Each structure stands twice: as C-alpha cells, then as structure tokens.
Amino acid sequence: MKLIFIKDIAAHLGEEVTLRGWVRNIRHSGKLLFIILRDGTGEIQCVAFQPELGEEMFDAAKRLTMESSLIITGIPKPHQKLAGTFELSVKSVKPVQIAEEYPIGKKRTRTRFPALKPPSLDPLTQTVGCASHPPYSILCDL
C-alpha cells in the first residue's frame, strides 16, 4: 500500500492506497458510512461497508467527528454518479485524533444579506427606510 495525496488518486485506481487527512463531514446509513476526507490537496468521499470493515473498526469509524484526523486505507475507483471524481472503498480506518464535537452545525446555513434580497421586497424596504428616518423622507420621493 502506497501513501499518497488525494490530488494523485487518479494515477492509483484499483491499487490499495493509504491517505492521511481530516474529516470534513461524516454520515452513516445503516451498514454504510460515508466520510468526506480532506488532506490539503483535495477531498474524496470514502465509503465504508460494515461487513468488509469489521464490527470493531466500523464502530471506531462511526465515532469520528468533524476535523478528526485519521489514516485510511482502501481502493480508489471512479465515482458512480459524478464524472471526473473518485471515491475510496475503505479497507481500514485508523483514527489518529478524535476532535471534540464541532461547535458549529454540520450543515452550512444560508445568511441573507440586504444586497441579496429579492427585488420584490424593494418597495417594502424603501417604505420602512423612509418611515424610520423622517428627516430623510423627502429623499424617498425623488
């Protein structure tokens, strides 16, 4: 098994490789575990199947949190749905350090900035703006 960077994964399809990095995101569904791994050169989805990984190692992988560091071994293959991307079929997972639970939620929340508001709200915004600043209400009519 070769220790490689994620950016070089395309040159090692079908070979057993080892990656080191951090967990960007993790989710599981029954006997499947999906780990998004990043190493500074890129990101890859690592797919762990409980019967192939073993009960003990699968449980250790499920305990990973965001930003945990790990060494993961598997066989890279083309992603089934996304052309030009790859995924790693996991053979072993070795946590190096389990990070404390990340204080910010896993999913990014959408922040609405005034500049991104829909144009349909412009009349309402202008009316509220004029009402809240009476000295400037003359300028609202221009």
Protein backbone atom coordinates (compact mmCIF):
# COMPACT_ATOMS: atom_id res chain seq x y z
CA MET A 1 0.00 0.00 0.00
CA LYS A 2 1.27 3.42 -1.00
CA LEU A 3 0.90 6.62 0.98
CA ILE A 4 -0.41 9.23 -1.46
CA PHE A 5 -2.12 12.62 -1.58
CA ILE A 6 -5.73 12.95 -2.69
CA LYS A 7 -4.71 15.01 -5.73
CA ASP A 8 -2.79 11.96 -7.05
CA ILE A 9 -5.65 9.47 -6.63
CA ALA A 10 -6.40 9.20 -10.37
CA ALA A 11 -3.00 7.60 -11.01
CA HIS A 12 -3.67 4.81 -8.48
CA LEU A 13 -7.11 3.47 -9.47
CA GLY A 14 -7.55 -0.15 -8.46
CA GLU A 15 -4.44 -0.16 -6.22
CA GLU A 16 -4.57 -0.28 -2.44
CA VAL A 17 -3.52 3.16 -1.16
CA THR A 18 -3.27 4.95 2.17
CA LEU A 19 -4.46 8.51 2.74
CA ARG A 20 -3.96 10.76 5.74
CA GLY A 21 -6.20 13.71 6.46
CA TRP A 22 -9.08 15.26 8.35
CA VAL A 23 -12.79 14.53 8.35
CA ARG A 24 -14.71 17.33 6.63
CA ASN A 25 -18.07 15.59 7.04
CA ILE A 26 -19.35 12.17 8.05
CA ARG A 27 -22.72 10.48 7.69
CA HIS A 28 -23.94 6.93 8.02
CA SER A 29 -26.90 4.93 6.88
CA GLY A 30 -27.21 1.50 8.42
CA LYS A 31 -24.20 -0.57 7.35
CA LEU A 32 -22.74 2.18 5.15
CA LEU A 33 -20.52 5.01 6.36
CA PHE A 34 -19.56 7.99 4.18
CA ILE A 35 -16.51 10.01 5.22
CA ILE A 36 -15.51 13.13 3.30
CA LEU A 37 -11.74 13.27 3.78
CA ARG A 38 -9.52 16.28 3.04
CA ASP A 39 -5.74 16.48 3.11
CA GLY A 40 -4.89 19.97 1.87
CA THR A 41 -4.61 18.87 -1.77
CA GLY A 42 -8.24 17.88 -2.27
CA GLU A 43 -11.24 15.98 -0.95
CA ILE A 44 -12.53 12.47 -1.53
CA GLN A 45 -15.56 10.50 -0.41
CA CYS A 46 -14.59 7.33 1.45
CA VAL A 47 -17.23 4.60 1.59
CA ALA A 48 -17.03 2.04 4.40
CA PHE A 49 -19.22 -1.07 4.34
CA GLN A 50 -19.62 -2.74 7.75
CA PRO A 51 -19.22 -6.40 6.61
CA GLU A 52 -15.98 -5.56 4.76
CA LEU A 53 -14.57 -3.39 7.53
CA GLY A 54 -15.48 -5.47 10.56
CA GLU A 55 -17.62 -4.56 13.54
CA GLU A 56 -14.87 -3.08 15.74
CA MET A 57 -13.29 -0.90 13.05
CA PHE A 58 -16.71 0.22 11.77
CA ASP A 59 -17.69 1.35 15.29
CA ALA A 60 -14.39 3.23 15.63
CA ALA A 61 -15.09 4.98 12.32
CA LYS A 62 -18.63 5.91 13.42
CA ARG A 63 -17.17 7.71 16.45
CA LEU A 64 -15.20 10.11 14.21
CA THR A 65 -16.24 13.75 14.39
CA MET A 66 -15.64 16.72 12.12
CA GLU A 67 -11.95 17.70 11.97
CA SER A 68 -10.80 14.37 13.44
CA SER A 69 -7.54 13.20 11.89
CA LEU A 70 -7.16 9.69 10.55
CA ILE A 71 -5.22 7.30 8.37
CA ILE A 72 -7.44 5.44 5.93
CA THR A 73 -6.58 2.60 3.55
CA GLY A 74 -8.65 1.49 0.60
CA ILE A 75 -9.01 1.07 -3.12
CA PRO A 76 -9.86 4.16 -5.21
CA LYS A 77 -12.39 3.87 -8.02
CA PRO A 78 -14.34 6.29 -10.22
CA HIS A 79 -17.42 7.78 -8.57
CA GLN A 80 -20.60 6.11 -9.85
CA LYS A 81 -22.61 9.32 -10.25
CA LEU A 82 -20.09 12.16 -10.63
CA ALA A 83 -17.91 12.01 -13.72
CA GLY A 84 -14.30 13.03 -13.17
CA THR A 85 -14.36 12.37 -9.42
CA PHE A 86 -13.27 9.39 -7.38
CA GLU A 87 -14.21 7.60 -4.18
CA LEU A 88 -12.31 5.29 -1.88
CA SER A 89 -13.64 1.85 -0.96
CA VAL A 90 -12.39 1.61 2.63
CA LYS A 91 -10.42 -1.40 3.87
CA SER A 92 -9.17 0.04 7.18
CA VAL A 93 -9.58 3.16 9.31
CA LYS A 94 -7.14 4.24 11.98
CA PRO A 95 -8.19 7.33 13.96
CA VAL A 96 -5.18 9.42 14.96
CA GLN A 97 -7.06 12.00 16.98
CA ILE A 98 -10.78 12.40 17.66
CA ALA A 99 -11.72 16.08 17.70
CA GLU A 100 -14.19 17.46 20.21
CA GLU A 101 -17.69 17.90 18.83
CA TYR A 102 -17.58 20.84 16.43
CA PRO A 103 -19.40 23.87 17.93
CA ILE A 104 -20.94 24.92 14.62
CA GLY A 105 -23.59 22.78 12.91
CA LYS A 106 -22.56 20.35 10.20
CA LYS A 107 -24.71 21.96 7.53
CA ARG A 108 -23.97 25.43 6.29
CA THR A 109 -26.75 27.88 6.99
CA ARG A 110 -27.75 30.48 4.47
CA THR A 111 -27.26 34.06 5.52
CA ARG A 112 -29.35 36.63 3.71
CA PHE A 113 -27.58 39.89 3.11
CA PRO A 114 -29.58 43.01 2.16
CA ALA A 115 -27.84 43.12 -1.23
CA LEU A 116 -29.17 39.60 -1.99
CA LYS A 117 -32.83 40.27 -1.19
CA PRO A 118 -35.33 39.62 -3.95
CA PRO A 119 -36.33 42.71 -5.95
CA SER A 120 -39.97 42.17 -4.96
CA LEU A 121 -39.10 43.41 -1.45
CA ASP A 122 -37.66 46.74 -2.67
CA PRO A 123 -40.89 48.78 -2.20
CA LEU A 124 -41.32 47.42 1.33
CA THR A 125 -37.69 48.15 2.22
CA GLN A 126 -37.90 51.69 0.88
CA THR A 127 -41.13 52.38 2.79
CA VAL A 128 -39.69 51.06 6.04
CA GLY A 129 -36.49 53.04 5.46
CA CYS A 130 -38.40 56.29 4.95
CA ALA A 131 -40.63 55.69 7.95
CA SER A 132 -37.69 55.01 10.24
CA HIS A 133 -35.82 58.18 9.18
CA PRO A 134 -38.39 61.02 8.97
CA PRO A 135 -35.82 63.76 8.23
CA TYR A 136 -34.83 61.89 5.09
CA SER A 137 -38.36 61.10 3.90
CA ILE A 138 -38.13 63.95 1.38
CA LEU A 139 -35.38 61.99 -0.43
CA CYS A 140 -37.63 58.92 -0.71
CA ASP A 141 -39.96 60.76 -3.08
CA LEU A 142 -37.22 61.69 -5.55
